Structures are given as C-alpha cells and as structure tokens.
C-alpha cells in the first residue's frame, strides 16, 4: 500500500489505497467480502475508472468517507455519487 499524503494533488493509486484502507477499517469483513472471487486487479481498475479524478483530491475523498452509509459499504457507483456532492468538486 502506498503512503497517502495530505497534499493535493495525489496519484489516483494513492487515493484508491486511502479509500480501501479506510473502508476496510470502517466496515471490516463486510467490505472485503464484497470482492470475493473477483481479481484484485479488476476491482482496482473499475474503482479507478469510475472515481477518476476524485481519487486525486483528498478533500473530496475525506468528504465521501465522512458521509458513508452506516449499514453497508457502498458500491463504487454510490461512492462516486457521494464524491459528486462534495463542496470541493
């Protein structure tokens, strides 16, 4: 896992590492089990494609991560929709 710094802009890969680490800690096995049977490379490719430049803004990612649903981890599409609502978009 890469080291995600507080400085913008960041590499998309760093942003994705940050999101996955946070969601793994927040949701535990609920988040990890979603991807069972799917290659890690494919999961990362889809999330990077769908989140695009949002992954390069810590402010947008922090907004999304602080507005996660409490009952279940969001899909990449729901997470992207949360990112779109960020005041920093």
C-alpha atoms as a PDB file:
ATOM      1  CA  UNK A   1       0.000   0.000   0.000  1.00  0.00           C
ATOM      2  CA  UNK A   2       1.299   3.437  -0.876  1.00  0.00           C
ATOM      3  CA  UNK A   3       1.661   6.303   1.553  1.00  0.00           C
ATOM      4  CA  UNK A   4      -1.215   8.766   1.067  1.00  0.00           C
ATOM      5  CA  UNK A   5      -0.092  12.257   1.968  1.00  0.00           C
ATOM      6  CA  UNK A   6      -2.310  15.192   2.892  1.00  0.00           C
ATOM      7  CA  UNK A   7      -1.053  17.218  -0.079  1.00  0.00           C
ATOM      8  CA  UNK A   8      -3.187  17.595  -3.242  1.00  0.00           C
ATOM      9  CA  UNK A   9      -2.989  16.536  -5.999  1.00  0.00           C
ATOM     10  CA  UNK A  10      -2.166  12.905  -5.400  1.00  0.00           C
ATOM     11  CA  UNK A  11      -1.791   9.892  -7.624  1.00  0.00           C
ATOM     12  CA  UNK A  12      -5.044   8.055  -8.260  1.00  0.00           C
ATOM     13  CA  UNK A  13      -3.430   4.880  -6.921  1.00  0.00           C
ATOM     14  CA  UNK A  14      -2.672   6.605  -3.604  1.00  0.00           C
ATOM     15  CA  UNK A  15      -6.232   7.865  -3.372  1.00  0.00           C
ATOM     16  CA  UNK A  16      -7.583   4.391  -4.020  1.00  0.00           C
ATOM     17  CA  UNK A  17      -5.309   2.918  -1.348  1.00  0.00           C
ATOM     18  CA  UNK A  18      -6.622   5.546   1.066  1.00  0.00           C
ATOM     19  CA  UNK A  19     -10.273   4.756   0.266  1.00  0.00           C
ATOM     20  CA  UNK A  20      -9.804   0.990   0.509  1.00  0.00           C
ATOM     21  CA  UNK A  21      -7.842   1.189   3.757  1.00  0.00           C
ATOM     22  CA  UNK A  22     -10.457   3.462   5.337  1.00  0.00           C
ATOM     23  CA  UNK A  23     -13.409   1.372   4.175  1.00  0.00           C
ATOM     24  CA  UNK A  24     -11.701  -1.855   5.267  1.00  0.00           C
ATOM     25  CA  UNK A  25     -11.208  -0.382   8.725  1.00  0.00           C
ATOM     26  CA  UNK A  26     -14.722   1.081   8.876  1.00  0.00           C
ATOM     27  CA  UNK A  27     -16.659  -1.910   7.542  1.00  0.00           C
ATOM     28  CA  UNK A  28     -14.271  -4.786   8.245  1.00  0.00           C
ATOM     29  CA  UNK A  29     -15.182  -8.073   6.585  1.00  0.00           C
ATOM     30  CA  UNK A  30     -18.355  -6.607   5.069  1.00  0.00           C
ATOM     31  CA  UNK A  31     -16.190  -4.579   2.695  1.00  0.00           C
ATOM     32  CA  UNK A  32     -13.674  -7.333   1.958  1.00  0.00           C
ATOM     33  CA  UNK A  33     -16.338  -9.971   1.256  1.00  0.00           C
ATOM     34  CA  UNK A  34     -17.915  -7.866  -1.491  1.00  0.00           C
ATOM     35  CA  UNK A  35     -14.921  -8.645  -3.698  1.00  0.00           C
ATOM     36  CA  UNK A  36     -14.633 -12.391  -3.037  1.00  0.00           C
ATOM     37  CA  UNK A  37     -13.979 -14.261  -6.265  1.00  0.00           C
ATOM     38  CA  UNK A  38     -13.006 -11.121  -8.192  1.00  0.00           C
ATOM     39  CA  UNK A  39      -9.395 -10.368  -9.021  1.00  0.00           C
ATOM     40  CA  UNK A  40      -7.881  -7.520  -7.029  1.00  0.00           C
ATOM     41  CA  UNK A  41      -6.538  -6.008 -10.245  1.00  0.00           C
ATOM     42  CA  UNK A  42     -10.036  -5.916 -11.755  1.00  0.00           C
ATOM     43  CA  UNK A  43     -11.546  -4.348  -8.628  1.00  0.00           C
ATOM     44  CA  UNK A  44      -8.868  -1.654  -8.569  1.00  0.00           C
ATOM     45  CA  UNK A  45      -9.241  -0.983 -12.304  1.00  0.00           C
ATOM     46  CA  UNK A  46     -13.015  -0.494 -12.029  1.00  0.00           C
ATOM     47  CA  UNK A  47     -12.772   1.744  -8.954  1.00  0.00           C
ATOM     48  CA  UNK A  48     -10.050   3.875 -10.566  1.00  0.00           C
ATOM     49  CA  UNK A  49     -12.064   4.188 -13.779  1.00  0.00           C
ATOM     50  CA  UNK A  50     -15.314   5.098 -12.041  1.00  0.00           C
ATOM     51  CA  UNK A  51     -13.826   7.507  -9.496  1.00  0.00           C
ATOM     52  CA  UNK A  52     -11.449   9.170 -11.949  1.00  0.00           C
ATOM     53  CA  UNK A  53     -10.064  12.492 -10.756  1.00  0.00           C
ATOM     54  CA  UNK A  54     -11.917  12.268  -7.433  1.00  0.00           C
ATOM     55  CA  UNK A  55      -9.093   9.959  -6.365  1.00  0.00           C
ATOM     56  CA  UNK A  56      -6.675  12.863  -6.732  1.00  0.00           C
ATOM     57  CA  UNK A  57      -8.401  15.113  -4.210  1.00  0.00           C
ATOM     58  CA  UNK A  58      -8.039  14.322  -0.528  1.00  0.00           C
ATOM     59  CA  UNK A  59     -10.727  16.888   0.269  1.00  0.00           C
ATOM     60  CA  UNK A  60     -13.258  15.098  -1.945  1.00  0.00           C
ATOM     61  CA  UNK A  61     -12.265  11.685  -0.599  1.00  0.00           C
ATOM     62  CA  UNK A  62     -12.460  12.894   3.000  1.00  0.00           C
ATOM     63  CA  UNK A  63     -15.927  14.304   2.319  1.00  0.00           C
ATOM     64  CA  UNK A  64     -17.086  10.989   0.848  1.00  0.00           C
ATOM     65  CA  UNK A  65     -15.519   8.936   3.617  1.00  0.00           C
ATOM     66  CA  UNK A  66     -17.169  11.079   6.278  1.00  0.00           C
ATOM     67  CA  UNK A  67     -20.560  10.577   4.595  1.00  0.00           C
ATOM     68  CA  UNK A  68     -20.537   6.814   4.172  1.00  0.00           C
ATOM     69  CA  UNK A  69     -23.689   4.812   4.832  1.00  0.00           C
ATOM     70  CA  UNK A  70     -23.609   3.285   8.292  1.00  0.00           C
ATOM     71  CA  UNK A  71     -25.281  -0.010   7.429  1.00  0.00           C
ATOM     72  CA  UNK A  72     -23.388  -1.354   4.405  1.00  0.00           C
ATOM     73  CA  UNK A  73     -20.338  -0.448   2.265  1.00  0.00           C
ATOM     74  CA  UNK A  74     -21.299   1.484  -0.854  1.00  0.00           C
ATOM     75  CA  UNK A  75     -20.677   0.212  -4.356  1.00  0.00           C
ATOM     76  CA  UNK A  76     -18.222   2.159  -6.475  1.00  0.00           C
ATOM     77  CA  UNK A  77     -21.185   3.913  -8.110  1.00  0.00           C
ATOM     78  CA  UNK A  78     -22.699   5.001  -4.789  1.00  0.00           C
ATOM     79  CA  UNK A  79     -19.273   6.119  -3.559  1.00  0.00           C
ATOM     80  CA  UNK A  80     -18.837   8.154  -6.752  1.00  0.00           C
ATOM     81  CA  UNK A  81     -22.240   9.776  -6.136  1.00  0.00           C
ATOM     82  CA  UNK A  82     -21.132  10.779  -2.644  1.00  0.00           C
ATOM     83  CA  UNK A  83     -17.939  12.276  -4.101  1.00  0.00           C
ATOM     84  CA  UNK A  84     -20.024  14.332  -6.555  1.00  0.00           C
ATOM     85  CA  UNK A  85     -21.778  16.019  -3.621  1.00  0.00           C
ATOM     86  CA  UNK A  86     -18.519  17.275  -2.128  1.00  0.00           C
ATOM     87  CA  UNK A  87     -18.306  21.076  -1.887  1.00  0.00           C
ATOM     88  CA  UNK A  88     -14.752  20.717  -3.259  1.00  0.00           C
ATOM     89  CA  UNK A  89     -15.905  19.319  -6.627  1.00  0.00           C
END
